């Protein structure tokens, strides 16, 4: 009997449903979401030139923004999750590129703009842009200050599509430790979002 993959198991889920499943820690939901959005991350980063950052690193940054957007998204807003998540990913890439050009004194026009690289249909209204930027940047601060170094390492590898077994092998830990690190990280992000909205 063939084993059902997370992508197949959640194939009938809409993006909002899948994001909710990730927030609820439904097994396999995160893997399915990342698999669904990895082409978007690669598409967004493929339009960037003039940067010394490797595309794989940019893809990781975009996927990290996707993960943050899951916890920053509020379904009662008029923006669809795909619009919200894509805006978060684009904002993160802009932030990374801006930081790089500031460090190296490279003019911004040396990079290909992300403005014309948008695979989504819905319009990006100002409210969506503001909400996504504020919430996602807040979560990035949480990730950098509240997560341990090991938790950040596990998160980045997980976002790259590695299984628990692969993460464990790469970091020299067991699968249970990798799983526990992700569970702790998710709990910290949920707590941070709850505190920010209270």
Protein backbone atom coordinates (compact mmCIF):
# COMPACT_ATOMS: atom_id res chain seq x y z
CA UNK A 1 0.00 0.00 0.00
CA UNK A 2 1.41 3.37 -1.01
CA UNK A 3 1.79 6.05 1.62
CA UNK A 4 -0.26 9.21 1.11
CA UNK A 5 1.97 12.28 0.91
CA UNK A 6 1.03 15.50 2.78
CA UNK A 7 0.60 17.24 -0.57
CA UNK A 8 -1.95 14.65 -1.70
CA UNK A 9 -3.69 14.46 1.68
CA UNK A 10 -4.41 18.20 1.66
CA UNK A 11 -5.00 18.53 -2.06
CA UNK A 12 -8.66 19.50 -1.59
CA UNK A 13 -7.87 22.18 1.00
CA UNK A 14 -8.09 25.82 0.01
CA UNK A 15 -5.17 28.04 1.03
CA UNK A 16 -7.09 29.51 3.98
CA UNK A 17 -8.03 26.02 5.18
CA UNK A 18 -4.46 24.80 4.84
CA UNK A 19 -3.06 27.78 6.73
CA UNK A 20 -5.58 27.17 9.51
CA UNK A 21 -4.52 23.52 9.63
CA UNK A 22 -0.89 24.60 10.06
CA UNK A 23 -1.86 26.91 12.93
CA UNK A 24 -3.76 24.01 14.50
CA UNK A 25 -0.68 21.76 14.20
CA UNK A 26 -2.47 19.23 11.98
CA UNK A 27 0.18 16.64 11.02
CA UNK A 28 1.41 17.09 7.46
CA UNK A 29 -0.27 20.47 6.94
CA UNK A 30 2.94 22.51 7.09
CA UNK A 31 4.68 20.23 4.61
CA UNK A 32 1.71 20.52 2.25
CA UNK A 33 1.65 24.32 2.52
CA UNK A 34 5.37 24.68 1.85
CA UNK A 35 5.15 22.30 -1.09
CA UNK A 36 2.28 24.36 -2.52
CA UNK A 37 4.11 27.69 -2.15
CA UNK A 38 7.66 26.66 -3.01
CA UNK A 39 7.08 27.40 -6.73
CA UNK A 40 5.90 30.90 -5.76
CA UNK A 41 9.06 31.48 -3.72
CA UNK A 42 11.22 30.31 -6.62
CA UNK A 43 9.25 32.46 -9.06
CA UNK A 44 9.68 35.57 -6.94
CA UNK A 45 13.39 35.05 -6.49
CA UNK A 46 14.03 34.13 -10.11
CA UNK A 47 13.30 37.71 -11.12
CA UNK A 48 16.06 39.13 -8.93
CA UNK A 49 19.43 39.95 -10.46
CA UNK A 50 22.41 41.95 -9.36
CA UNK A 51 22.46 40.50 -5.85
CA UNK A 52 25.38 38.51 -4.44
CA UNK A 53 22.99 36.42 -2.32
CA UNK A 54 22.45 32.93 -3.71
CA UNK A 55 18.95 32.20 -4.99
CA UNK A 56 18.64 29.27 -2.59
CA UNK A 57 19.20 31.68 0.30
CA UNK A 58 16.59 34.05 -1.08
CA UNK A 59 14.15 31.17 -1.46
CA UNK A 60 14.74 30.31 2.20
CA UNK A 61 14.00 33.90 3.20
CA UNK A 62 10.78 33.85 1.16
CA UNK A 63 9.71 30.55 2.72
CA UNK A 64 10.47 31.89 6.18
CA UNK A 65 8.19 34.82 5.37
CA UNK A 66 5.52 32.35 4.26
CA UNK A 67 5.79 30.53 7.58
CA UNK A 68 5.48 33.82 9.46
CA UNK A 69 2.48 34.84 7.37
CA UNK A 70 0.58 31.75 8.54
CA UNK A 71 0.61 33.06 12.11
CA UNK A 72 0.22 36.73 11.17
CA UNK A 73 -2.81 36.17 8.93
CA UNK A 74 -6.28 36.99 10.25
CA UNK A 75 -9.08 35.37 8.23
CA UNK A 76 -11.51 38.22 8.96
CA UNK A 77 -9.48 40.58 6.78
CA UNK A 78 -10.60 41.05 3.18
CA UNK A 79 -7.31 39.84 1.72
CA UNK A 80 -7.07 36.23 0.61
CA UNK A 81 -4.30 34.22 2.26
CA UNK A 82 -2.41 33.85 -1.02
CA UNK A 83 -2.36 37.62 -1.48
CA UNK A 84 -1.30 38.16 2.12
CA UNK A 85 1.42 35.50 2.02
CA UNK A 86 2.82 36.71 -1.29
CA UNK A 87 3.01 40.28 0.01
CA UNK A 88 4.85 39.02 3.08
CA UNK A 89 7.30 37.10 0.90
CA UNK A 90 7.93 40.09 -1.36
CA UNK A 91 8.37 42.42 1.61
CA UNK A 92 10.92 40.08 3.15
CA UNK A 93 12.90 39.89 -0.07
CA UNK A 94 12.87 43.68 -0.34
CA UNK A 95 14.12 43.93 3.24
CA UNK A 96 16.96 41.47 2.59
CA UNK A 97 18.00 43.22 -0.64
CA UNK A 98 17.80 46.65 0.96
CA UNK A 99 20.01 45.50 3.83
CA UNK A 100 22.52 44.12 1.37
CA UNK A 101 22.67 47.24 -0.76
CA UNK A 102 23.06 49.38 2.36
CA UNK A 103 26.02 47.29 3.51
CA UNK A 104 27.70 47.33 0.10
CA UNK A 105 26.66 50.78 -1.09
CA UNK A 106 24.98 49.27 -4.12
CA UNK A 107 22.29 51.51 -5.62
CA UNK A 108 18.78 50.09 -5.41
CA UNK A 109 18.29 50.35 -9.16
CA UNK A 110 21.01 47.72 -9.59
CA UNK A 111 18.47 45.10 -8.58
CA UNK A 112 15.53 43.93 -10.64
CA UNK A 113 12.37 45.24 -9.03
CA UNK A 114 9.91 42.84 -7.43
CA UNK A 115 7.00 45.03 -8.45
CA UNK A 116 6.37 43.19 -11.71
CA UNK A 117 6.97 39.74 -10.26
CA UNK A 118 3.61 38.79 -8.79
CA UNK A 119 1.88 35.49 -9.58
CA UNK A 120 -1.28 36.39 -7.67
CA UNK A 121 -4.47 37.77 -9.15
CA UNK A 122 -5.97 39.86 -6.29
CA UNK A 123 -4.88 43.49 -5.99
CA UNK A 124 -2.59 44.44 -3.13
CA UNK A 125 -4.53 47.14 -1.29
CA UNK A 126 -2.70 49.49 1.15
CA UNK A 127 -4.35 47.90 4.19
CA UNK A 128 -3.08 44.45 3.22
CA UNK A 129 0.42 45.81 2.63
CA UNK A 130 0.49 47.54 6.02
CA UNK A 131 -0.90 44.61 7.98
CA UNK A 132 1.34 42.05 6.32
CA UNK A 133 4.47 44.14 6.76
CA UNK A 134 3.84 44.96 10.43
CA UNK A 135 2.83 41.43 11.47
CA UNK A 136 5.51 39.63 9.48
CA UNK A 137 8.29 41.92 10.66
CA UNK A 138 7.13 41.44 14.23
CA UNK A 139 7.35 37.68 13.81
CA UNK A 140 10.82 37.97 12.31
CA UNK A 141 11.91 39.82 15.44
CA UNK A 142 10.41 37.04 17.54
CA UNK A 143 12.20 34.40 15.47
CA UNK A 144 15.52 36.19 15.89
CA UNK A 145 15.15 36.95 19.60
CA UNK A 146 12.96 34.22 21.10
CA UNK A 147 14.00 31.11 19.19
CA UNK A 148 17.16 29.28 20.13
CA UNK A 149 19.90 28.80 17.58
CA UNK A 150 18.94 25.14 17.24
CA UNK A 151 15.26 26.01 16.71
CA UNK A 152 16.20 28.48 13.98
CA UNK A 153 18.42 25.89 12.30
CA UNK A 154 15.65 23.28 12.38
CA UNK A 155 13.14 25.82 11.06
CA UNK A 156 15.28 26.82 8.10
CA UNK A 157 15.94 23.21 7.13
CA UNK A 158 12.27 22.36 7.51
CA UNK A 159 11.34 25.27 5.25
CA UNK A 160 13.76 23.90 2.66
CA UNK A 161 11.65 20.76 2.49
CA UNK A 162 13.82 18.44 4.55
CA UNK A 163 12.13 15.65 6.49
CA UNK A 164 12.65 15.15 10.22
CA UNK A 165 15.05 12.33 9.38
CA UNK A 166 17.05 14.55 7.00
CA UNK A 167 17.14 17.41 9.51
CA UNK A 168 18.30 15.06 12.24
CA UNK A 169 21.06 13.65 10.04
CA UNK A 170 22.25 17.10 8.97
CA UNK A 171 22.36 18.49 12.51
CA UNK A 172 23.56 15.33 14.21
CA UNK A 173 20.47 14.94 16.39
CA UNK A 174 17.66 12.39 16.54
CA UNK A 175 14.29 12.80 14.84
CA UNK A 176 12.49 13.35 18.14
CA UNK A 177 14.74 16.31 18.92
CA UNK A 178 14.03 17.82 15.51
CA UNK A 179 10.28 17.36 16.01
CA UNK A 180 10.43 18.83 19.52
CA UNK A 181 12.35 21.87 18.27
CA UNK A 182 9.62 22.60 15.71
CA UNK A 183 6.88 22.16 18.31
CA UNK A 184 8.60 24.59 20.69
CA UNK A 185 9.09 27.08 17.88
CA UNK A 186 5.42 26.92 16.85
CA UNK A 187 4.31 27.41 20.45
CA UNK A 188 6.53 30.47 20.79
CA UNK A 189 5.17 32.02 17.58
CA UNK A 190 1.57 31.40 18.64
CA UNK A 191 2.23 32.98 22.04
CA UNK A 192 3.90 35.97 20.42
CA UNK A 193 0.95 36.56 18.08
CA UNK A 194 -1.51 36.23 20.96
CA UNK A 195 0.47 38.80 22.97
CA UNK A 196 0.65 41.21 20.05
CA UNK A 197 -3.12 41.21 19.57
CA UNK A 198 -4.02 41.52 23.26
